[in-house]
Structures are given as structure tokens and as C-alpha cells.
Amino acid sequence: MGGVSAALSSSSGYIAQPTSATAAAAIDVFRERGAIRPGETTVVVLTGSGLKAPGTLRELIG
């Protein structure tokens, strides 16, 4: 989960709340299982702002 929060903040500027980033982390799992196939469009809604958990994000991202 920390990896997703870090990736989102560094590559796109989004600061996702760690619990919200769980949905984004699941994308890789679904892709590996074949539930999401190449070329398909997938939408992940990040409902929590990382500003709610600055301490946790500091620990995860560094």
C-alpha cells in the first residue's frame, strides 16, 4: 500500500490516503489474475485525501 501512495504522489501529484490507495494497489493483482486484460480501461476512485494522514504518509514515503 505504501508503494502505491508513493507512486501516486511522485508520478501524478496525487496524495492518496493510505486506505484509499488499497484500491489502486489491487489493480496489479487483478491484472496478474487476468481480471483486467490488456487494452481495457479501468477506473479507480480515490476517495480519501492524503492530507488526512500526514504522519502515516511520512512513514510510508519517507
PDB file of N, CA and C in Angstrom:
ATOM      1  N   MET A   1       0.826  -1.193   0.000  1.00  0.00           N
ATOM      2  CA  MET A   1       0.000   0.000   0.000  1.00  0.00           C
ATOM      3  C   MET A   1       0.861   1.243   0.000  1.00  0.00           C
ATOM      4  N   GLY A   2       1.959   1.240   0.750  1.00  0.00           N
ATOM      5  CA  GLY A   2       2.843   2.394   0.777  1.00  0.00           C
ATOM      6  C   GLY A   2       3.419   2.699  -0.587  1.00  0.00           C
ATOM      7  N   GLY A   3       3.718   1.653  -1.348  1.00  0.00           N
ATOM      8  CA  GLY A   3       4.266   1.844  -2.679  1.00  0.00           C
ATOM      9  C   GLY A   3       3.318   2.581  -3.594  1.00  0.00           C
ATOM     10  N   VAL A   4       2.053   2.289  -3.480  1.00  0.00           N
ATOM     11  CA  VAL A   4       1.056   2.950  -4.325  1.00  0.00           C
ATOM     12  C   VAL A   4       0.937   4.414  -3.941  1.00  0.00           C
ATOM     13  N   SER A   5       0.895   4.705  -2.644  1.00  0.00           N
ATOM     14  CA  SER A   5       0.817   6.099  -2.204  1.00  0.00           C
ATOM     15  C   SER A   5       2.017   6.880  -2.698  1.00  0.00           C
ATOM     16  N   ALA A   6       3.201   6.277  -2.594  1.00  0.00           N
ATOM     17  CA  ALA A   6       4.420   6.946  -3.050  1.00  0.00           C
ATOM     18  C   ALA A   6       4.397   7.141  -4.555  1.00  0.00           C
ATOM     19  N   ALA A   7       3.982   6.132  -5.287  1.00  0.00           N
ATOM     20  CA  ALA A   7       3.947   6.221  -6.745  1.00  0.00           C
ATOM     21  C   ALA A   7       2.959   7.281  -7.209  1.00  0.00           C
ATOM     22  N   LEU A   8       1.802   7.328  -6.585  1.00  0.00           N
ATOM     23  CA  LEU A   8       0.797   8.321  -6.968  1.00  0.00           C
ATOM     24  C   LEU A   8       1.293   9.728  -6.703  1.00  0.00           C
ATOM     25  N   SER A   9       1.913   9.939  -5.549  1.00  0.00           N
ATOM     26  CA  SER A   9       2.349  11.283  -5.215  1.00  0.00           C
ATOM     27  C   SER A   9       3.528  11.720  -6.067  1.00  0.00           C
ATOM     28  N   SER A  10       4.437  10.803  -6.383  1.00  0.00           N
ATOM     29  CA  SER A  10       5.619  11.205  -7.144  1.00  0.00           C
ATOM     30  C   SER A  10       5.372  11.294  -8.643  1.00  0.00           C
ATOM     31  N   SER A  11       4.477  10.463  -9.178  1.00  0.00           N
ATOM     32  CA  SER A  11       4.282  10.460 -10.624  1.00  0.00           C
ATOM     33  C   SER A  11       3.132  11.336 -11.100  1.00  0.00           C
ATOM     34  N   SER A  12       2.141  11.554 -10.238  1.00  0.00           N
ATOM     35  CA  SER A  12       0.973  12.292 -10.699  1.00  0.00           C
ATOM     36  C   SER A  12       0.618  13.494  -9.838  1.00  0.00           C
ATOM     37  N   GLY A  13       1.230  13.598  -8.684  1.00  0.00           N
ATOM     38  CA  GLY A  13       0.919  14.707  -7.796  1.00  0.00           C
ATOM     39  C   GLY A  13      -0.260  14.446  -6.874  1.00  0.00           C
ATOM     40  N   TYR A  14      -0.894  13.282  -6.989  1.00  0.00           N
ATOM     41  CA  TYR A  14      -1.999  12.939  -6.103  1.00  0.00           C
ATOM     42  C   TYR A  14      -1.456  12.475  -4.765  1.00  0.00           C
ATOM     43  N   ILE A  15      -2.101  12.905  -3.705  1.00  0.00           N
ATOM     44  CA  ILE A  15      -1.741  12.443  -2.368  1.00  0.00           C
ATOM     45  C   ILE A  15      -2.936  11.665  -1.851  1.00  0.00           C
ATOM     46  N   ALA A  16      -2.862  10.332  -1.966  1.00  0.00           N
ATOM     47  CA  ALA A  16      -3.983   9.485  -1.575  1.00  0.00           C
ATOM     48  C   ALA A  16      -3.838   9.028  -0.135  1.00  0.00           C
ATOM     49  N   GLN A  17      -4.949   9.011   0.572  1.00  0.00           N
ATOM     50  CA  GLN A  17      -4.966   8.448   1.914  1.00  0.00           C
ATOM     51  C   GLN A  17      -4.589   6.969   1.796  1.00  0.00           C
ATOM     52  N   PRO A  18      -3.739   6.448   2.682  1.00  0.00           N
ATOM     53  CA  PRO A  18      -3.287   5.058   2.560  1.00  0.00           C
ATOM     54  C   PRO A  18      -4.409   4.032   2.401  1.00  0.00           C
ATOM     55  N   THR A  19      -5.514   4.193   3.126  1.00  0.00           N
ATOM     56  CA  THR A  19      -6.600   3.225   2.981  1.00  0.00           C
ATOM     57  C   THR A  19      -7.267   3.328   1.616  1.00  0.00           C
ATOM     58  N   SER A  20      -7.312   4.509   1.052  1.00  0.00           N
ATOM     59  CA  SER A  20      -7.879   4.692  -0.280  1.00  0.00           C
ATOM     60  C   SER A  20      -6.957   4.109  -1.344  1.00  0.00           C
ATOM     61  N   ALA A  21      -5.663   4.150  -1.104  1.00  0.00           N
ATOM     62  CA  ALA A  21      -4.692   3.629  -2.070  1.00  0.00           C
ATOM     63  C   ALA A  21      -4.768   2.108  -2.208  1.00  0.00           C
ATOM     64  N   THR A  22      -5.433   1.445  -1.286  1.00  0.00           N
ATOM     65  CA  THR A  22      -5.592  -0.012  -1.374  1.00  0.00           C
ATOM     66  C   THR A  22      -6.284  -0.394  -2.681  1.00  0.00           C
ATOM     67  N   ALA A  23      -7.265   0.388  -3.098  1.00  0.00           N
ATOM     68  CA  ALA A  23      -7.975   0.101  -4.350  1.00  0.00           C
ATOM     69  C   ALA A  23      -7.031   0.192  -5.540  1.00  0.00           C
ATOM     70  N   ALA A  24      -6.149   1.172  -5.541  1.00  0.00           N
ATOM     71  CA  ALA A  24      -5.184   1.303  -6.631  1.00  0.00           C
ATOM     72  C   ALA A  24      -4.180   0.160  -6.608  1.00  0.00           C
ATOM     73  N   ALA A  25      -3.792  -0.288  -5.421  1.00  0.00           N
ATOM     74  CA  ALA A  25      -2.852  -1.404  -5.304  1.00  0.00           C
ATOM     75  C   ALA A  25      -3.447  -2.694  -5.858  1.00  0.00           C
ATOM     76  N   ALA A  26      -4.757  -2.825  -5.790  1.00  0.00           N
ATOM     77  CA  ALA A  26      -5.425  -4.036  -6.273  1.00  0.00           C
ATOM     78  C   ALA A  26      -5.366  -4.164  -7.792  1.00  0.00           C
ATOM     79  N   ILE A  27      -5.131  -3.079  -8.497  1.00  0.00           N
ATOM     80  CA  ILE A  27      -5.063  -3.111  -9.965  1.00  0.00           C
ATOM     81  C   ILE A  27      -4.033  -4.128 -10.431  1.00  0.00           C
ATOM     82  N   ASP A  28      -2.830  -4.116  -9.831  1.00  0.00           N
ATOM     83  CA  ASP A  28      -1.787  -5.063 -10.234  1.00  0.00           C
ATOM     84  C   ASP A  28      -2.215  -6.501  -9.994  1.00  0.00           C
ATOM     85  N   VAL A  29      -2.892  -6.739  -8.885  1.00  0.00           N
ATOM     86  CA  VAL A  29      -3.360  -8.099  -8.565  1.00  0.00           C
ATOM     87  C   VAL A  29      -4.399  -8.555  -9.592  1.00  0.00           C
ATOM     88  N   PHE A  30      -5.347  -7.690  -9.899  1.00  0.00           N
ATOM     89  CA  PHE A  30      -6.377  -8.034 -10.876  1.00  0.00           C
ATOM     90  C   PHE A  30      -5.769  -8.265 -12.258  1.00  0.00           C
ATOM     91  N   ARG A  31      -4.762  -7.472 -12.604  1.00  0.00           N
ATOM     92  CA  ARG A  31      -4.097  -7.636 -13.899  1.00  0.00           C
ATOM     93  C   ARG A  31      -3.387  -8.989 -13.958  1.00  0.00           C
ATOM     94  N   GLU A  32      -2.685  -9.347 -12.872  1.00  0.00           N
ATOM     95  CA  GLU A  32      -1.984 -10.632 -12.811  1.00  0.00           C
ATOM     96  C   GLU A  32      -2.950 -11.814 -12.908  1.00  0.00           C
ATOM     97  N   ARG A  33      -4.130 -11.679 -12.335  1.00  0.00           N
ATOM     98  CA  ARG A  33      -5.137 -12.754 -12.353  1.00  0.00           C
ATOM     99  C   ARG A  33      -5.906 -12.819 -13.664  1.00  0.00           C
ATOM    100  N   GLY A  34      -5.718 -11.830 -14.524  1.00  0.00           N
ATOM    101  CA  GLY A  34      -6.427 -11.809 -15.800  1.00  0.00           C
ATOM    102  C   GLY A  34      -7.796 -11.164 -15.723  1.00  0.00           C
ATOM    103  N   ALA A  35      -8.148 -10.629 -14.568  1.00  0.00           N
ATOM    104  CA  ALA A  35      -9.452  -9.971 -14.430  1.00  0.00           C
ATOM    105  C   ALA A  35      -9.481  -8.647 -15.200  1.00  0.00           C
ATOM    106  N   ILE A  36      -8.319  -8.037 -15.361  1.00  0.00           N
ATOM    107  CA  ILE A  36      -8.185  -6.842 -16.192  1.00  0.00           C
ATOM    108  C   ILE A  36      -7.251  -7.223 -17.327  1.00  0.00           C
ATOM    109  N   ARG A  37      -7.764  -7.143 -18.536  1.00  0.00           N
ATOM    110  CA  ARG A  37      -6.977  -7.567 -19.698  1.00  0.00           C
ATOM    111  C   ARG A  37      -6.311  -6.362 -20.362  1.00  0.00           C
ATOM    112  N   PRO A  38      -5.217  -6.596 -21.073  1.00  0.00           N
ATOM    113  CA  PRO A  38      -4.549  -5.510 -21.793  1.00  0.00           C
ATOM    114  C   PRO A  38      -5.522  -4.773 -22.706  1.00  0.00           C
ATOM    115  N   GLY A  39      -5.436  -3.473 -22.699  1.00  0.00           N
ATOM    116  CA  GLY A  39      -6.302  -2.656 -23.550  1.00  0.00           C
ATOM    117  C   GLY A  39      -7.602  -2.239 -22.905  1.00  0.00           C
ATOM    118  N   GLU A  40      -7.969  -2.863 -21.798  1.00  0.00           N
ATOM    119  CA  GLU A  40      -9.204  -2.475 -21.110  1.00  0.00           C
ATOM    120  C   GLU A  40      -8.985  -1.184 -20.319  1.00  0.00           C
ATOM    121  N   THR A  41     -10.030  -0.412 -20.195  1.00  0.00           N
ATOM    122  CA  THR A  41      -9.987   0.803 -19.387  1.00  0.00           C
ATOM    123  C   THR A  41     -10.474   0.467 -17.981  1.00  0.00           C
ATOM    124  N   THR A  42      -9.699   0.889 -16.999  1.00  0.00           N
ATOM    125  CA  THR A  42     -10.052   0.637 -15.596  1.00  0.00           C
ATOM    126  C   THR A  42     -10.031   1.956 -14.852  1.00  0.00           C
ATOM    127  N   VAL A  43     -11.028   2.181 -14.019  1.00  0.00           N
ATOM    128  CA  VAL A  43     -11.123   3.403 -13.230  1.00  0.00           C
ATOM    129  C   VAL A  43     -11.049   3.034 -11.756  1.00  0.00           C
ATOM    130  N   VAL A  44     -10.194   3.742 -11.026  1.00  0.00           N
ATOM    131  CA  VAL A  44     -10.091   3.560  -9.581  1.00  0.00           C
ATOM    132  C   VAL A  44     -10.406   4.901  -8.933  1.00  0.00           C
ATOM    133  N   VAL A  45     -11.376   4.913  -8.052  1.00  0.00           N
ATOM    134  CA  VAL A  45     -11.774   6.139  -7.374  1.00  0.00           C
ATOM    135  C   VAL A  45     -11.031   6.226  -6.047  1.00  0.00           C
ATOM    136  N   LEU A  46     -10.256   7.288  -5.884  1.00  0.00           N
ATOM    137  CA  LEU A  46      -9.533   7.530  -4.632  1.00  0.00           C
ATOM    138  C   LEU A  46     -10.326   8.564  -3.839  1.00  0.00           C
ATOM    139  N   THR A  47     -10.998   8.096  -2.798  1.00  0.00           N
ATOM    140  CA  THR A  47     -11.928   8.975  -2.090  1.00  0.00           C
ATOM    141  C   THR A  47     -11.320   9.700  -0.898  1.00  0.00           C
ATOM    142  N   GLY A  48     -10.165   9.265  -0.433  1.00  0.00           N
ATOM    143  CA  GLY A  48      -9.576   9.874   0.753  1.00  0.00           C
ATOM    144  C   GLY A  48      -8.363  10.717   0.418  1.00  0.00           C
ATOM    145  N   SER A  49      -8.274  11.882   1.008  1.00  0.00           N
ATOM    146  CA  SER A  49      -7.131  12.760   0.793  1.00  0.00           C
ATOM    147  C   SER A  49      -5.989  12.375   1.719  1.00  0.00           C
ATOM    148  N   GLY A  50      -4.785  12.362   1.184  1.00  0.00           N
ATOM    149  CA  GLY A  50      -3.607  12.072   1.989  1.00  0.00           C
ATOM    150  C   GLY A  50      -3.370  13.115   3.060  1.00  0.00           C
ATOM    151  N   LEU A  51      -4.000  14.265   2.919  1.00  0.00           N
ATOM    152  CA  LEU A  51      -3.838  15.314   3.927  1.00  0.00           C
ATOM    153  C   LEU A  51      -4.469  14.922   5.257  1.00  0.00           C
ATOM    154  N   LYS A  52      -5.307  13.870   5.245  1.00  0.00           N
ATOM    155  CA  LYS A  52      -5.919  13.389   6.484  1.00  0.00           C
ATOM    156  C   LYS A  52      -4.951  12.547   7.305  1.00  0.00           C
ATOM    157  N   ALA A  53      -3.882  12.049   6.676  1.00  0.00           N
ATOM    158  CA  ALA A  53      -2.964  11.126   7.352  1.00  0.00           C
ATOM    159  C   ALA A  53      -1.511  11.502   7.105  1.00  0.00           C
ATOM    160  N   PRO A  54      -1.111  12.735   7.444  1.00  0.00           N
ATOM    161  CA  PRO A  54       0.255  13.144   7.134  1.00  0.00           C
ATOM    162  C   PRO A  54       1.326  12.316   7.843  1.00  0.00           C
ATOM    163  N   GLY A  55       1.069  11.903   9.070  1.00  0.00           N
ATOM    164  CA  GLY A  55       2.040  11.093   9.809  1.00  0.00           C
ATOM    165  C   GLY A  55       2.281   9.752   9.158  1.00  0.00           C
ATOM    166  N   THR A  56       1.204   9.095   8.772  1.00  0.00           N
ATOM    167  CA  THR A  56       1.306   7.789   8.121  1.00  0.00           C
ATOM    168  C   THR A  56       2.003   7.919   6.779  1.00  0.00           C
ATOM    169  N   LEU A  57       1.654   8.948   6.008  1.00  0.00           N
ATOM    170  CA  LEU A  57       2.297   9.141   4.713  1.00  0.00           C
ATOM    171  C   LEU A  57       3.784   9.422   4.866  1.00  0.00           C
ATOM    172  N   ARG A  58       4.141  10.172   5.871  1.00  0.00           N
ATOM    173  CA  ARG A  58       5.560  10.462   6.126  1.00  0.00           C
ATOM    174  C   ARG A  58       6.321   9.163   6.373  1.00  0.00           C
ATOM    175  N   GLU A  59       5.716   8.243   7.130  1.00  0.00           N
ATOM    176  CA  GLU A  59       6.355   6.946   7.394  1.00  0.00           C
ATOM    177  C   GLU A  59       6.459   6.098   6.122  1.00  0.00           C
ATOM    178  N   LEU A  60       5.406   6.098   5.308  1.00  0.00           N
ATOM    179  CA  LEU A  60       5.378   5.270   4.109  1.00  0.00           C
ATOM    180  C   LEU A  60       6.281   5.803   3.001  1.00  0.00           C
ATOM    181  N   ILE A  61       6.282   7.090   2.811  1.00  0.00           N
ATOM    182  CA  ILE A  61       7.002   7.702   1.698  1.00  0.00           C
ATOM    183  C   ILE A  61       8.412   8.111   2.104  1.00  0.00           C
ATOM    184  N   GLY A  62       8.538   8.563   3.329  1.00  0.00           N
ATOM    185  CA  GLY A  62       9.873   8.949   3.801  1.00  0.00           C
ATOM    186  C   GLY A  62      10.197  10.369   3.680  1.00  0.00           C
TER     187      GLY A  62
END
